[in-house]
Amino acid sequence: LLVDVSIVNVALPQMSTDLHSSFTSLQWVVDMYALVLA
């Protein structure tokens, strides 16, 4: 569960290209996990 906080960061550019996502979507991919935890 702790690895999944940071493991996503280095994959964001590839996610963005593959899913054609916006900058806001990338923020939510990282943020949603921490937000629900909090």
PDB file of all heavy atoms in Angstrom:
ATOM      1  N   LEU A   1       0.826  -1.216   0.000  1.00  0.00           N
ATOM      2  CA  LEU A   1       0.000   0.000   0.000  1.00  0.00           C
ATOM      3  C   LEU A   1       0.855   1.259   0.000  1.00  0.00           C
ATOM      4  O   LEU A   1       0.454   2.286  -0.558  1.00  0.00           O
ATOM      5  CB  LEU A   1      -0.972  -0.016   1.182  1.00  0.00           C
ATOM      6  CG  LEU A   1      -0.467   0.240   2.597  1.00  0.00           C
ATOM      7  CD1 LEU A   1      -0.550   1.713   2.962  1.00  0.00           C
ATOM      8  CD2 LEU A   1      -1.269  -0.576   3.606  1.00  0.00           C
ATOM      9  N   LEU A   2       2.057   1.212   0.611  1.00  0.00           N
ATOM     10  CA  LEU A   2       2.917   2.398   0.619  1.00  0.00           C
ATOM     11  C   LEU A   2       3.657   2.573  -0.701  1.00  0.00           C
ATOM     12  O   LEU A   2       3.889   3.698  -1.143  1.00  0.00           O
ATOM     13  CB  LEU A   2       3.904   2.323   1.786  1.00  0.00           C
ATOM     14  CG  LEU A   2       3.291   2.454   3.180  1.00  0.00           C
ATOM     15  CD1 LEU A   2       4.349   2.297   4.256  1.00  0.00           C
ATOM     16  CD2 LEU A   2       2.573   3.789   3.342  1.00  0.00           C
ATOM     17  N   VAL A   3       4.051   1.468  -1.337  1.00  0.00           N
ATOM     18  CA  VAL A   3       4.692   1.555  -2.649  1.00  0.00           C
ATOM     19  C   VAL A   3       3.760   2.210  -3.659  1.00  0.00           C
ATOM     20  O   VAL A   3       4.188   2.982  -4.525  1.00  0.00           O
ATOM     21  CB  VAL A   3       5.134   0.158  -3.135  1.00  0.00           C
ATOM     22  CG1 VAL A   3       5.315   0.126  -4.645  1.00  0.00           C
ATOM     23  CG2 VAL A   3       6.447  -0.233  -2.474  1.00  0.00           C
ATOM     24  N   ASP A   4       2.452   1.931  -3.536  1.00  0.00           N
ATOM     25  CA  ASP A   4       1.511   2.458  -4.525  1.00  0.00           C
ATOM     26  C   ASP A   4       1.307   3.964  -4.435  1.00  0.00           C
ATOM     27  O   ASP A   4       0.675   4.548  -5.313  1.00  0.00           O
ATOM     28  CB  ASP A   4       0.164   1.731  -4.396  1.00  0.00           C
ATOM     29  CG  ASP A   4       0.032   0.632  -5.429  1.00  0.00           C
ATOM     30  OD1 ASP A   4       0.919  -0.241  -5.478  1.00  0.00           O
ATOM     31  OD2 ASP A   4      -0.938   0.650  -6.211  1.00  0.00           O
ATOM     32  N   VAL A   5       1.840   4.599  -3.370  1.00  0.00           N
ATOM     33  CA  VAL A   5       1.801   6.054  -3.314  1.00  0.00           C
ATOM     34  C   VAL A   5       2.801   6.640  -4.310  1.00  0.00           C
ATOM     35  O   VAL A   5       2.518   7.614  -5.006  1.00  0.00           O
ATOM     36  CB  VAL A   5       2.107   6.551  -1.889  1.00  0.00           C
ATOM     37  CG1 VAL A   5       2.170   8.080  -1.852  1.00  0.00           C
ATOM     38  CG2 VAL A   5       1.049   6.049  -0.914  1.00  0.00           C
ATOM     39  N   SER A   6       4.001   6.031  -4.394  1.00  0.00           N
ATOM     40  CA  SER A   6       5.076   6.613  -5.199  1.00  0.00           C
ATOM     41  C   SER A   6       5.341   5.889  -6.510  1.00  0.00           C
ATOM     42  O   SER A   6       5.964   6.445  -7.409  1.00  0.00           O
ATOM     43  CB  SER A   6       6.374   6.634  -4.381  1.00  0.00           C
ATOM     44  OG  SER A   6       6.738   5.323  -3.974  1.00  0.00           O
ATOM     45  N   ILE A   7       4.869   4.655  -6.640  1.00  0.00           N
ATOM     46  CA  ILE A   7       5.200   3.866  -7.830  1.00  0.00           C
ATOM     47  C   ILE A   7       4.578   4.459  -9.093  1.00  0.00           C
ATOM     48  O   ILE A   7       5.080   4.269 -10.202  1.00  0.00           O
ATOM     49  CB  ILE A   7       4.746   2.396  -7.640  1.00  0.00           C
ATOM     50  CG1 ILE A   7       5.451   1.476  -8.636  1.00  0.00           C
ATOM     51  CG2 ILE A   7       3.231   2.265  -7.760  1.00  0.00           C
ATOM     52  CD1 ILE A   7       5.196   0.000  -8.381  1.00  0.00           C
ATOM     53  N   VAL A   8       3.490   5.213  -8.914  1.00  0.00           N
ATOM     54  CA  VAL A   8       2.755   5.750 -10.058  1.00  0.00           C
ATOM     55  C   VAL A   8       3.500   6.905 -10.727  1.00  0.00           C
ATOM     56  O   VAL A   8       3.398   7.102 -11.941  1.00  0.00           O
ATOM     57  CB  VAL A   8       1.341   6.196  -9.603  1.00  0.00           C
ATOM     58  CG1 VAL A   8       0.637   6.974 -10.701  1.00  0.00           C
ATOM     59  CG2 VAL A   8       0.511   4.992  -9.203  1.00  0.00           C
ATOM     60  N   ASN A   9       4.276   7.665  -9.942  1.00  0.00           N
ATOM     61  CA  ASN A   9       4.860   8.905 -10.463  1.00  0.00           C
ATOM     62  C   ASN A   9       5.673   8.709 -11.735  1.00  0.00           C
ATOM     63  O   ASN A   9       5.540   9.468 -12.701  1.00  0.00           O
ATOM     64  CB  ASN A   9       5.739   9.560  -9.391  1.00  0.00           C
ATOM     65  CG  ASN A   9       4.919  10.228  -8.299  1.00  0.00           C
ATOM     66  OD1 ASN A   9       3.756  10.570  -8.507  1.00  0.00           O
ATOM     67  ND2 ASN A   9       5.509  10.392  -7.139  1.00  0.00           N
ATOM     68  N   VAL A  10       6.540   7.682 -11.751  1.00  0.00           N
ATOM     69  CA  VAL A  10       7.415   7.512 -12.904  1.00  0.00           C
ATOM     70  C   VAL A  10       6.676   6.970 -14.127  1.00  0.00           C
ATOM     71  O   VAL A  10       7.208   7.004 -15.243  1.00  0.00           O
ATOM     72  CB  VAL A  10       8.603   6.585 -12.564  1.00  0.00           C
ATOM     73  CG1 VAL A  10       9.496   7.223 -11.531  1.00  0.00           C
ATOM     74  CG2 VAL A  10       8.118   5.225 -12.081  1.00  0.00           C
ATOM     75  N   ALA A  11       5.451   6.468 -13.928  1.00  0.00           N
ATOM     76  CA  ALA A  11       4.686   5.931 -15.055  1.00  0.00           C
ATOM     77  C   ALA A  11       3.745   6.960 -15.668  1.00  0.00           C
ATOM     78  O   ALA A  11       3.101   6.677 -16.687  1.00  0.00           O
ATOM     79  CB  ALA A  11       3.867   4.704 -14.598  1.00  0.00           C
ATOM     80  N   LEU A  12       3.670   8.172 -15.086  1.00  0.00           N
ATOM     81  CA  LEU A  12       2.685   9.159 -15.550  1.00  0.00           C
ATOM     82  C   LEU A  12       2.845   9.542 -17.022  1.00  0.00           C
ATOM     83  O   LEU A  12       1.839   9.599 -17.748  1.00  0.00           O
ATOM     84  CB  LEU A  12       2.752  10.403 -14.665  1.00  0.00           C
ATOM     85  CG  LEU A  12       2.200  10.242 -13.238  1.00  0.00           C
ATOM     86  CD1 LEU A  12       2.423  11.522 -12.445  1.00  0.00           C
ATOM     87  CD2 LEU A  12       0.723   9.876 -13.259  1.00  0.00           C
ATOM     88  N   PRO A  13       4.050   9.829 -17.517  1.00  0.00           N
ATOM     89  CA  PRO A  13       4.147  10.187 -18.940  1.00  0.00           C
ATOM     90  C   PRO A  13       3.640   9.087 -19.869  1.00  0.00           C
ATOM     91  O   PRO A  13       2.967   9.374 -20.864  1.00  0.00           O
ATOM     92  CB  PRO A  13       5.650  10.444 -19.130  1.00  0.00           C
ATOM     93  CG  PRO A  13       6.132  10.881 -17.789  1.00  0.00           C
ATOM     94  CD  PRO A  13       5.352  10.026 -16.825  1.00  0.00           C
ATOM     95  N   GLN A  14       3.967   7.818 -19.562  1.00  0.00           N
ATOM     96  CA  GLN A  14       3.494   6.727 -20.412  1.00  0.00           C
ATOM     97  C   GLN A  14       1.980   6.565 -20.305  1.00  0.00           C
ATOM     98  O   GLN A  14       1.308   6.292 -21.297  1.00  0.00           O
ATOM     99  CB  GLN A  14       4.189   5.417 -20.028  1.00  0.00           C
ATOM    100  CG  GLN A  14       4.074   4.343 -21.103  1.00  0.00           C
ATOM    101  CD  GLN A  14       4.823   3.085 -20.758  1.00  0.00           C
ATOM    102  OE1 GLN A  14       4.225   2.085 -20.386  1.00  0.00           O
ATOM    103  NE2 GLN A  14       6.149   3.117 -20.875  1.00  0.00           N
ATOM    104  N   MET A  15       1.443   6.737 -19.102  1.00  0.00           N
ATOM    105  CA  MET A  15      -0.021   6.706 -18.928  1.00  0.00           C
ATOM    106  C   MET A  15      -0.685   7.787 -19.765  1.00  0.00           C
ATOM    107  O   MET A  15      -1.708   7.561 -20.422  1.00  0.00           O
ATOM    108  CB  MET A  15      -0.394   6.940 -17.457  1.00  0.00           C
ATOM    109  CG  MET A  15      -0.172   5.791 -16.528  1.00  0.00           C
ATOM    110  SD  MET A  15      -0.735   6.275 -14.866  1.00  0.00           S
ATOM    111  CE  MET A  15      -0.107   4.900 -13.910  1.00  0.00           C
ATOM    112  N   SER A  16      -0.116   8.985 -19.707  1.00  0.00           N
ATOM    113  CA  SER A  16      -0.684  10.115 -20.434  1.00  0.00           C
ATOM    114  C   SER A  16      -0.766   9.828 -21.925  1.00  0.00           C
ATOM    115  O   SER A  16      -1.780  10.097 -22.579  1.00  0.00           O
ATOM    116  CB  SER A  16       0.153  11.373 -20.183  1.00  0.00           C
ATOM    117  OG  SER A  16      -0.308  12.460 -20.937  1.00  0.00           O
ATOM    118  N   THR A  17       0.297   9.256 -22.488  1.00  0.00           N
ATOM    119  CA  THR A  17       0.326   8.941 -23.917  1.00  0.00           C
ATOM    120  C   THR A  17      -0.654   7.827 -24.263  1.00  0.00           C
ATOM    121  O   THR A  17      -1.391   7.909 -25.244  1.00  0.00           O
ATOM    122  CB  THR A  17       1.751   8.535 -24.326  1.00  0.00           C
ATOM    123  OG1 THR A  17       2.647   9.615 -24.029  1.00  0.00           O
ATOM    124  CG2 THR A  17       1.827   8.217 -25.810  1.00  0.00           C
ATOM    125  N   ASP A  18      -0.661   6.789 -23.431  1.00  0.00           N
ATOM    126  CA  ASP A  18      -1.486   5.609 -23.715  1.00  0.00           C
ATOM    127  C   ASP A  18      -2.978   5.910 -23.587  1.00  0.00           C
ATOM    128  O   ASP A  18      -3.799   5.450 -24.386  1.00  0.00           O
ATOM    129  CB  ASP A  18      -1.084   4.478 -22.774  1.00  0.00           C
ATOM    130  CG  ASP A  18      -1.634   3.127 -23.212  1.00  0.00           C
ATOM    131  OD1 ASP A  18      -2.058   3.014 -24.372  1.00  0.00           O
ATOM    132  OD2 ASP A  18      -1.637   2.189 -22.395  1.00  0.00           O
ATOM    133  N   LEU A  19      -3.348   6.671 -22.559  1.00  0.00           N
ATOM    134  CA  LEU A  19      -4.763   6.939 -22.284  1.00  0.00           C
ATOM    135  C   LEU A  19      -5.227   8.287 -22.828  1.00  0.00           C
ATOM    136  O   LEU A  19      -6.402   8.640 -22.660  1.00  0.00           O
ATOM    137  CB  LEU A  19      -5.007   6.900 -20.761  1.00  0.00           C
ATOM    138  CG  LEU A  19      -4.682   5.579 -20.057  1.00  0.00           C
ATOM    139  CD1 LEU A  19      -4.926   5.703 -18.561  1.00  0.00           C
ATOM    140  CD2 LEU A  19      -5.514   4.434 -20.632  1.00  0.00           C
ATOM    141  N   HIS A  20      -4.315   9.052 -23.464  1.00  0.00           N
ATOM    142  CA  HIS A  20      -4.653  10.374 -24.005  1.00  0.00           C
ATOM    143  C   HIS A  20      -5.285  11.253 -22.925  1.00  0.00           C
ATOM    144  O   HIS A  20      -6.302  11.922 -23.152  1.00  0.00           O
ATOM    145  CB  HIS A  20      -5.603  10.249 -25.204  1.00  0.00           C
ATOM    146  CG  HIS A  20      -5.100   9.316 -26.270  1.00  0.00           C
ATOM    147  ND1 HIS A  20      -4.052   9.621 -27.106  1.00  0.00           N
ATOM    148  CD2 HIS A  20      -5.489   8.056 -26.615  1.00  0.00           C
ATOM    149  CE1 HIS A  20      -3.814   8.615 -27.930  1.00  0.00           C
ATOM    150  NE2 HIS A  20      -4.675   7.652 -27.653  1.00  0.00           N
ATOM    151  N   SER A  21      -4.668  11.246 -21.757  1.00  0.00           N
ATOM    152  CA  SER A  21      -5.247  11.937 -20.611  1.00  0.00           C
ATOM    153  C   SER A  21      -4.719  13.357 -20.497  1.00  0.00           C
ATOM    154  O   SER A  21      -3.632  13.682 -20.979  1.00  0.00           O
ATOM    155  CB  SER A  21      -4.940  11.172 -19.321  1.00  0.00           C
ATOM    156  OG  SER A  21      -3.562  10.968 -19.174  1.00  0.00           O
ATOM    157  N   SER A  22      -5.481  14.188 -19.826  1.00  0.00           N
ATOM    158  CA  SER A  22      -5.102  15.580 -19.601  1.00  0.00           C
ATOM    159  C   SER A  22      -4.238  15.688 -18.348  1.00  0.00           C
ATOM    160  O   SER A  22      -4.087  14.739 -17.584  1.00  0.00           O
ATOM    161  CB  SER A  22      -6.360  16.435 -19.420  1.00  0.00           C
ATOM    162  OG  SER A  22      -7.047  16.045 -18.240  1.00  0.00           O
ATOM    163  N   PHE A  23      -3.693  16.900 -18.140  1.00  0.00           N
ATOM    164  CA  PHE A  23      -2.904  17.143 -16.942  1.00  0.00           C
ATOM    165  C   PHE A  23      -3.754  16.952 -15.687  1.00  0.00           C
ATOM    166  O   PHE A  23      -3.306  16.379 -14.691  1.00  0.00           O
ATOM    167  CB  PHE A  23      -2.328  18.558 -16.988  1.00  0.00           C
ATOM    168  CG  PHE A  23      -1.579  18.954 -15.747  1.00  0.00           C
ATOM    169  CD1 PHE A  23      -0.401  18.323 -15.411  1.00  0.00           C
ATOM    170  CD2 PHE A  23      -2.060  19.976 -14.931  1.00  0.00           C
ATOM    171  CE1 PHE A  23       0.304  18.689 -14.268  1.00  0.00           C
ATOM    172  CE2 PHE A  23      -1.361  20.349 -13.796  1.00  0.00           C
ATOM    173  CZ  PHE A  23      -0.182  19.709 -13.462  1.00  0.00           C
ATOM    174  N   THR A  24      -5.002  17.411 -15.724  1.00  0.00           N
ATOM    175  CA  THR A  24      -5.900  17.243 -14.587  1.00  0.00           C
ATOM    176  C   THR A  24      -6.121  15.767 -14.276  1.00  0.00           C
ATOM    177  O   THR A  24      -6.134  15.358 -13.107  1.00  0.00           O
ATOM    178  CB  THR A  24      -7.251  17.929 -14.867  1.00  0.00           C
ATOM    179  OG1 THR A  24      -7.036  19.327 -15.066  1.00  0.00           O
ATOM    180  CG2 THR A  24      -8.216  17.724 -13.710  1.00  0.00           C
ATOM    181  N   SER A  25      -6.274  14.946 -15.302  1.00  0.00           N
ATOM    182  CA  SER A  25      -6.463  13.507 -15.086  1.00  0.00           C
ATOM    183  C   SER A  25      -5.242  12.889 -14.423  1.00  0.00           C
ATOM    184  O   SER A  25      -5.362  12.030 -13.535  1.00  0.00           O
ATOM    185  CB  SER A  25      -6.744  12.804 -16.415  1.00  0.00           C
ATOM    186  OG  SER A  25      -7.951  13.245 -16.978  1.00  0.00           O
ATOM    187  N   LEU A  26      -4.044  13.309 -14.850  1.00  0.00           N
ATOM    188  CA  LEU A  26      -2.827  12.785 -14.230  1.00  0.00           C
ATOM    189  C   LEU A  26      -2.777  13.145 -12.747  1.00  0.00           C
ATOM    190  O   LEU A  26      -2.370  12.331 -11.910  1.00  0.00           O
ATOM    191  CB  LEU A  26      -1.594  13.347 -14.930  1.00  0.00           C
ATOM    192  CG  LEU A  26      -1.293  12.859 -16.349  1.00  0.00           C
ATOM    193  CD1 LEU A  26       0.014  13.471 -16.843  1.00  0.00           C
ATOM    194  CD2 LEU A  26      -1.195  11.343 -16.391  1.00  0.00           C
ATOM    195  N   GLN A  27      -3.187  14.360 -12.408  1.00  0.00           N
ATOM    196  CA  GLN A  27      -3.215  14.753 -11.000  1.00  0.00           C
ATOM    197  C   GLN A  27      -4.145  13.847 -10.205  1.00  0.00           C
ATOM    198  O   GLN A  27      -3.817  13.419  -9.095  1.00  0.00           O
ATOM    199  CB  GLN A  27      -3.677  16.205 -10.859  1.00  0.00           C
ATOM    200  CG  GLN A  27      -2.632  17.236 -11.264  1.00  0.00           C
ATOM    201  CD  GLN A  27      -3.163  18.641 -11.084  1.00  0.00           C
ATOM    202  OE1 GLN A  27      -3.946  19.124 -11.893  1.00  0.00           O
ATOM    203  NE2 GLN A  27      -2.744  19.300 -10.024  1.00  0.00           N
ATOM    204  N   TRP A  28      -5.298  13.525 -10.787  1.00  0.00           N
ATOM    205  CA  TRP A  28      -6.262  12.695 -10.076  1.00  0.00           C
ATOM    206  C   TRP A  28      -5.784  11.254  -9.940  1.00  0.00           C
ATOM    207  O   TRP A  28      -6.098  10.588  -8.949  1.00  0.00           O
ATOM    208  CB  TRP A  28      -7.626  12.740 -10.763  1.00  0.00           C
ATOM    209  CG  TRP A  28      -8.439  13.930 -10.387  1.00  0.00           C
ATOM    210  CD1 TRP A  28      -8.854  14.941 -11.197  1.00  0.00           C
ATOM    211  CD2 TRP A  28      -8.933  14.242  -9.088  1.00  0.00           C
ATOM    212  NE1 TRP A  28      -9.567  15.865 -10.480  1.00  0.00           N
ATOM    213  CE2 TRP A  28      -9.635  15.460  -9.186  1.00  0.00           C
ATOM    214  CE3 TRP A  28      -8.846  13.616  -7.844  1.00  0.00           C
ATOM    215  CZ2 TRP A  28     -10.249  16.059  -8.079  1.00  0.00           C
ATOM    216  CZ3 TRP A  28      -9.446  14.213  -6.735  1.00  0.00           C
ATOM    217  CH2 TRP A  28     -10.136  15.419  -6.864  1.00  0.00           C
ATOM    218  N   VAL A  29      -5.018  10.753 -10.906  1.00  0.00           N
ATOM    219  CA  VAL A  29      -4.478   9.393 -10.792  1.00  0.00           C
ATOM    220  C   VAL A  29      -3.602   9.299  -9.540  1.00  0.00           C
ATOM    221  O   VAL A  29      -3.649   8.308  -8.800  1.00  0.00           O
ATOM    222  CB  VAL A  29      -3.667   9.015 -12.051  1.00  0.00           C
ATOM    223  CG1 VAL A  29      -2.882   7.728 -11.815  1.00  0.00           C
ATOM    224  CG2 VAL A  29      -4.598   8.839 -13.246  1.00  0.00           C
ATOM    225  N   VAL A  30      -2.789  10.312  -9.290  1.00  0.00           N
ATOM    226  CA  VAL A  30      -1.930  10.325  -8.104  1.00  0.00           C
ATOM    227  C   VAL A  30      -2.740  10.677  -6.861  1.00  0.00           C
ATOM    228  O   VAL A  30      -2.600  10.057  -5.798  1.00  0.00           O
ATOM    229  CB  VAL A  30      -0.785  11.336  -8.290  1.00  0.00           C
ATOM    230  CG1 VAL A  30       0.086  11.384  -7.046  1.00  0.00           C
ATOM    231  CG2 VAL A  30       0.055  10.979  -9.503  1.00  0.00           C
ATOM    232  N   ASP A  31      -3.596  11.682  -6.979  1.00  0.00           N
ATOM    233  CA  ASP A  31      -4.251  12.283  -5.828  1.00  0.00           C
ATOM    234  C   ASP A  31      -5.390  11.448  -5.260  1.00  0.00           C
ATOM    235  O   ASP A  31      -5.628  11.471  -4.053  1.00  0.00           O
ATOM    236  CB  ASP A  31      -4.795  13.657  -6.213  1.00  0.00           C
ATOM    237  CG  ASP A  31      -4.301  14.739  -5.270  1.00  0.00           C
ATOM    238  OD1 ASP A  31      -3.463  14.422  -4.409  1.00  0.00           O
ATOM    239  OD2 ASP A  31      -4.748  15.888  -5.399  1.00  0.00           O
ATOM    240  N   MET A  32      -6.124  10.740  -6.112  1.00  0.00           N
ATOM    241  CA  MET A  32      -7.328  10.054  -5.645  1.00  0.00           C
ATOM    242  C   MET A  32      -7.000   9.024  -4.567  1.00  0.00           C
ATOM    243  O   MET A  32      -7.733   8.885  -3.572  1.00  0.00           O
ATOM    244  CB  MET A  32      -8.040   9.388  -6.828  1.00  0.00           C
ATOM    245  CG  MET A  32      -9.377   8.746  -6.451  1.00  0.00           C
ATOM    246  SD  MET A  32     -10.555   9.927  -5.736  1.00  0.00           S
ATOM    247  CE  MET A  32     -11.151  10.739  -7.222  1.00  0.00           C
ATOM    248  N   TYR A  33      -5.908   8.305  -4.746  1.00  0.00           N
ATOM    249  CA  TYR A  33      -5.519   7.289  -3.771  1.00  0.00           C
ATOM    250  C   TYR A  33      -5.239   7.928  -2.412  1.00  0.00           C
ATOM    251  O   TYR A  33      -5.768   7.491  -1.375  1.00  0.00           O
ATOM    252  CB  TYR A  33      -4.279   6.557  -4.295  1.00  0.00           C
ATOM    253  CG  TYR A  33      -3.760   5.462  -3.410  1.00  0.00           C
ATOM    254  CD1 TYR A  33      -4.517   4.340  -3.128  1.00  0.00           C
ATOM    255  CD2 TYR A  33      -2.485   5.537  -2.861  1.00  0.00           C
ATOM    256  CE1 TYR A  33      -4.032   3.319  -2.317  1.00  0.00           C
ATOM    257  CE2 TYR A  33      -1.984   4.532  -2.059  1.00  0.00           C
ATOM    258  CZ  TYR A  33      -2.757   3.424  -1.796  1.00  0.00           C
ATOM    259  OH  TYR A  33      -2.263   2.418  -1.004  1.00  0.00           O
ATOM    260  N   ALA A  34      -4.418   8.982  -2.390  1.00  0.00           N
ATOM    261  CA  ALA A  34      -4.085   9.650  -1.130  1.00  0.00           C
ATOM    262  C   ALA A  34      -5.306  10.323  -0.514  1.00  0.00           C
ATOM    263  O   ALA A  34      -5.480  10.333   0.711  1.00  0.00           O
ATOM    264  CB  ALA A  34      -2.984  10.684  -1.361  1.00  0.00           C
ATOM    265  N   LEU A  35      -6.174  10.878  -1.358  1.00  0.00           N
ATOM    266  CA  LEU A  35      -7.364  11.566  -0.854  1.00  0.00           C
ATOM    267  C   LEU A  35      -8.303  10.600  -0.145  1.00  0.00           C
ATOM    268  O   LEU A  35      -8.795  10.880   0.958  1.00  0.00           O
ATOM    269  CB  LEU A  35      -8.087  12.257  -2.012  1.00  0.00           C
ATOM    270  CG  LEU A  35      -9.396  12.978  -1.669  1.00  0.00           C
ATOM    271  CD1 LEU A  35      -9.141  14.086  -0.654  1.00  0.00           C
ATOM    272  CD2 LEU A  35     -10.039  13.535  -2.929  1.00  0.00           C
ATOM    273  N   VAL A  36      -8.568   9.455  -0.758  1.00  0.00           N
ATOM    274  CA  VAL A  36      -9.471   8.470  -0.134  1.00  0.00           C
ATOM    275  C   VAL A  36      -8.841   7.914   1.144  1.00  0.00           C
ATOM    276  O   VAL A  36      -9.521   7.712   2.152  1.00  0.00           O
ATOM    277  CB  VAL A  36      -9.808   7.345  -1.129  1.00  0.00           C
ATOM    278  CG1 VAL A  36     -10.601   6.241  -0.445  1.00  0.00           C
ATOM    279  CG2 VAL A  36     -10.602   7.907  -2.302  1.00  0.00           C
ATOM    280  N   LEU A  37      -7.519   7.668   1.115  1.00  0.00           N
ATOM    281  CA  LEU A  37      -6.830   7.247   2.335  1.00  0.00           C
ATOM    282  C   LEU A  37      -7.061   8.265   3.449  1.00  0.00           C
ATOM    283  O   LEU A  37      -7.419   7.903   4.581  1.00  0.00           O
ATOM    284  CB  LEU A  37      -5.333   7.120   2.072  1.00  0.00           C
ATOM    285  CG  LEU A  37      -4.771   5.763   1.655  1.00  0.00           C
ATOM    286  CD1 LEU A  37      -3.271   5.887   1.404  1.00  0.00           C
ATOM    287  CD2 LEU A  37      -5.032   4.708   2.702  1.00  0.00           C
ATOM    288  N   ALA A  38      -6.860   9.538   3.144  1.00  0.00           N
ATOM    289  CA  ALA A  38      -6.998  10.590   4.151  1.00  0.00           C
ATOM    290  C   ALA A  38      -8.427  10.672   4.669  1.00  0.00           C
ATOM    291  O   ALA A  38      -8.658  10.820   5.871  1.00  0.00           O
ATOM    292  CB  ALA A  38      -6.575  11.935   3.563  1.00  0.00           C
TER     293      ALA A  38
END
